[in-house]
């Protein structure tokens, strides 16, 4: 039983990679205000990021999520507007997303 628990924990940890806090300077491609399962508002800001994989350059839409007290500030951001935020980066199954910790 203990071996199974250890294996499951390792698999879960390998699937979700958490990065250090960083400053994100970006332009909002899209801004959506939505409700979570508990009826609380959150804001999803999509930003365009340029990536390179095996010499191929491409753009991808990356979500920047704002929760709790940061929703008020995030709702002020409009499509096409530049913004700066301190974010926590997360990678899940090769896809990056950010959670806002503070806005400048």
C-alpha atoms as a PDB file:
ATOM      1  CA  UNK A   1       0.000   0.000   0.000  1.00  0.00           C
ATOM      2  CA  UNK A   2       2.817   2.422   0.877  1.00  0.00           C
ATOM      3  CA  UNK A   3       4.543   1.711  -2.440  1.00  0.00           C
ATOM      4  CA  UNK A   4       1.353   2.521  -4.313  1.00  0.00           C
ATOM      5  CA  UNK A   5       1.021   5.827  -2.450  1.00  0.00           C
ATOM      6  CA  UNK A   6       4.618   6.753  -3.265  1.00  0.00           C
ATOM      7  CA  UNK A   7       4.142   5.908  -6.945  1.00  0.00           C
ATOM      8  CA  UNK A   8       0.958   7.995  -7.146  1.00  0.00           C
ATOM      9  CA  UNK A   9       2.648  10.964  -5.473  1.00  0.00           C
ATOM     10  CA  UNK A  10       5.582  10.821  -7.897  1.00  0.00           C
ATOM     11  CA  UNK A  11       3.250  10.658 -10.887  1.00  0.00           C
ATOM     12  CA  UNK A  12       1.237  13.620  -9.654  1.00  0.00           C
ATOM     13  CA  UNK A  13       4.350  15.679  -8.999  1.00  0.00           C
ATOM     14  CA  UNK A  14       5.723  14.878 -12.453  1.00  0.00           C
ATOM     15  CA  UNK A  15       2.491  16.031 -14.117  1.00  0.00           C
ATOM     16  CA  UNK A  16       2.441  19.511 -12.579  1.00  0.00           C
ATOM     17  CA  UNK A  17       5.545  21.660 -12.653  1.00  0.00           C
ATOM     18  CA  UNK A  18       5.510  24.855 -10.631  1.00  0.00           C
ATOM     19  CA  UNK A  19       7.842  27.693 -11.490  1.00  0.00           C
ATOM     20  CA  UNK A  20       9.208  30.612  -9.557  1.00  0.00           C
ATOM     21  CA  UNK A  21       7.409  33.934  -9.330  1.00  0.00           C
ATOM     22  CA  UNK A  22       8.189  36.287 -12.209  1.00  0.00           C
ATOM     23  CA  UNK A  23       7.148  39.594 -13.746  1.00  0.00           C
ATOM     24  CA  UNK A  24       4.912  39.335 -16.802  1.00  0.00           C
ATOM     25  CA  UNK A  25       4.677  42.278 -19.208  1.00  0.00           C
ATOM     26  CA  UNK A  26       2.110  41.458 -21.870  1.00  0.00           C
ATOM     27  CA  UNK A  27      -0.782  42.637 -24.011  1.00  0.00           C
ATOM     28  CA  UNK A  28      -4.214  41.164 -23.411  1.00  0.00           C
ATOM     29  CA  UNK A  29      -5.496  39.287 -26.478  1.00  0.00           C
ATOM     30  CA  UNK A  30      -8.784  38.557 -24.725  1.00  0.00           C
ATOM     31  CA  UNK A  31     -10.329  39.150 -21.288  1.00  0.00           C
ATOM     32  CA  UNK A  32     -13.123  36.993 -19.866  1.00  0.00           C
ATOM     33  CA  UNK A  33     -14.901  37.386 -16.524  1.00  0.00           C
ATOM     34  CA  UNK A  34     -16.444  34.120 -15.348  1.00  0.00           C
ATOM     35  CA  UNK A  35     -17.819  32.393 -12.256  1.00  0.00           C
ATOM     36  CA  UNK A  36     -16.160  29.441 -10.552  1.00  0.00           C
ATOM     37  CA  UNK A  37     -18.145  26.467  -9.200  1.00  0.00           C
ATOM     38  CA  UNK A  38     -18.765  28.379  -5.944  1.00  0.00           C
ATOM     39  CA  UNK A  39     -20.189  31.422  -7.735  1.00  0.00           C
ATOM     40  CA  UNK A  40     -17.089  33.589  -7.222  1.00  0.00           C
ATOM     41  CA  UNK A  41     -15.856  35.768 -10.068  1.00  0.00           C
ATOM     42  CA  UNK A  42     -12.446  35.226 -11.629  1.00  0.00           C
ATOM     43  CA  UNK A  43     -10.785  36.796 -14.661  1.00  0.00           C
ATOM     44  CA  UNK A  44      -9.009  34.927 -17.448  1.00  0.00           C
ATOM     45  CA  UNK A  45      -6.722  37.120 -19.533  1.00  0.00           C
ATOM     46  CA  UNK A  46      -5.276  35.492 -22.645  1.00  0.00           C
ATOM     47  CA  UNK A  47      -1.822  36.661 -23.749  1.00  0.00           C
ATOM     48  CA  UNK A  48       0.079  35.659 -26.859  1.00  0.00           C
ATOM     49  CA  UNK A  49       3.497  34.072 -26.346  1.00  0.00           C
ATOM     50  CA  UNK A  50       6.064  33.179 -28.971  1.00  0.00           C
ATOM     51  CA  UNK A  51       7.642  29.764 -28.534  1.00  0.00           C
ATOM     52  CA  UNK A  52      10.206  27.722 -30.429  1.00  0.00           C
ATOM     53  CA  UNK A  53      10.103  23.948 -30.699  1.00  0.00           C
ATOM     54  CA  UNK A  54      12.668  22.061 -32.764  1.00  0.00           C
ATOM     55  CA  UNK A  55      13.434  25.216 -34.745  1.00  0.00           C
ATOM     56  CA  UNK A  56       9.771  25.999 -35.460  1.00  0.00           C
ATOM     57  CA  UNK A  57       8.580  29.371 -34.145  1.00  0.00           C
ATOM     58  CA  UNK A  58       4.898  29.657 -33.287  1.00  0.00           C
ATOM     59  CA  UNK A  59       2.498  31.717 -31.153  1.00  0.00           C
ATOM     60  CA  UNK A  60       0.240  30.322 -28.489  1.00  0.00           C
ATOM     61  CA  UNK A  61      -2.493  31.800 -26.305  1.00  0.00           C
ATOM     62  CA  UNK A  62      -1.563  31.539 -22.641  1.00  0.00           C
ATOM     63  CA  UNK A  63      -4.095  32.090 -19.832  1.00  0.00           C
ATOM     64  CA  UNK A  64      -3.359  34.513 -17.004  1.00  0.00           C
ATOM     65  CA  UNK A  65      -5.797  33.913 -14.137  1.00  0.00           C
ATOM     66  CA  UNK A  66      -6.808  36.428 -11.447  1.00  0.00           C
ATOM     67  CA  UNK A  67      -8.736  35.354  -8.354  1.00  0.00           C
ATOM     68  CA  UNK A  68     -10.071  36.880  -5.130  1.00  0.00           C
ATOM     69  CA  UNK A  69      -9.171  40.508  -4.408  1.00  0.00           C
ATOM     70  CA  UNK A  70      -7.235  40.748  -7.700  1.00  0.00           C
ATOM     71  CA  UNK A  71     -10.435  40.368  -9.749  1.00  0.00           C
ATOM     72  CA  UNK A  72     -11.316  44.065  -9.297  1.00  0.00           C
ATOM     73  CA  UNK A  73      -8.013  45.173 -10.839  1.00  0.00           C
ATOM     74  CA  UNK A  74      -8.075  42.484 -13.544  1.00  0.00           C
ATOM     75  CA  UNK A  75     -11.564  43.545 -14.685  1.00  0.00           C
ATOM     76  CA  UNK A  76     -10.112  46.973 -15.588  1.00  0.00           C
ATOM     77  CA  UNK A  77      -7.861  45.407 -18.245  1.00  0.00           C
ATOM     78  CA  UNK A  78      -9.323  45.583 -21.742  1.00  0.00           C
ATOM     79  CA  UNK A  79      -8.533  43.621 -24.897  1.00  0.00           C
ATOM     80  CA  UNK A  80      -5.412  45.081 -26.549  1.00  0.00           C
ATOM     81  CA  UNK A  81      -4.218  46.784 -23.350  1.00  0.00           C
ATOM     82  CA  UNK A  82      -0.706  46.266 -21.992  1.00  0.00           C
ATOM     83  CA  UNK A  83      -0.325  45.280 -18.346  1.00  0.00           C
ATOM     84  CA  UNK A  84       2.367  44.249 -15.875  1.00  0.00           C
ATOM     85  CA  UNK A  85       1.850  41.675 -13.136  1.00  0.00           C
ATOM     86  CA  UNK A  86       3.775  39.478 -10.757  1.00  0.00           C
ATOM     87  CA  UNK A  87       2.712  35.940 -11.595  1.00  0.00           C
ATOM     88  CA  UNK A  88       3.248  32.375 -10.527  1.00  0.00           C
ATOM     89  CA  UNK A  89       3.922  30.137 -13.524  1.00  0.00           C
ATOM     90  CA  UNK A  90       2.502  26.655 -13.800  1.00  0.00           C
ATOM     91  CA  UNK A  91       3.010  24.013 -16.435  1.00  0.00           C
ATOM     92  CA  UNK A  92       0.639  21.105 -16.862  1.00  0.00           C
ATOM     93  CA  UNK A  93       1.032  18.542 -19.638  1.00  0.00           C
ATOM     94  CA  UNK A  94       3.303  20.904 -21.554  1.00  0.00           C
ATOM     95  CA  UNK A  95       0.925  23.889 -21.382  1.00  0.00           C
ATOM     96  CA  UNK A  96       1.871  27.037 -19.476  1.00  0.00           C
ATOM     97  CA  UNK A  97      -0.518  29.163 -17.419  1.00  0.00           C
ATOM     98  CA  UNK A  98      -0.039  32.012 -14.974  1.00  0.00           C
ATOM     99  CA  UNK A  99      -1.780  33.019 -11.750  1.00  0.00           C
ATOM    100  CA  UNK A 100      -1.611  36.721 -10.848  1.00  0.00           C
ATOM    101  CA  UNK A 101      -0.097  37.489  -7.459  1.00  0.00           C
ATOM    102  CA  UNK A 102      -0.054  41.309  -7.860  1.00  0.00           C
ATOM    103  CA  UNK A 103      -0.608  43.976 -10.498  1.00  0.00           C
ATOM    104  CA  UNK A 104       1.743  46.910 -10.982  1.00  0.00           C
END
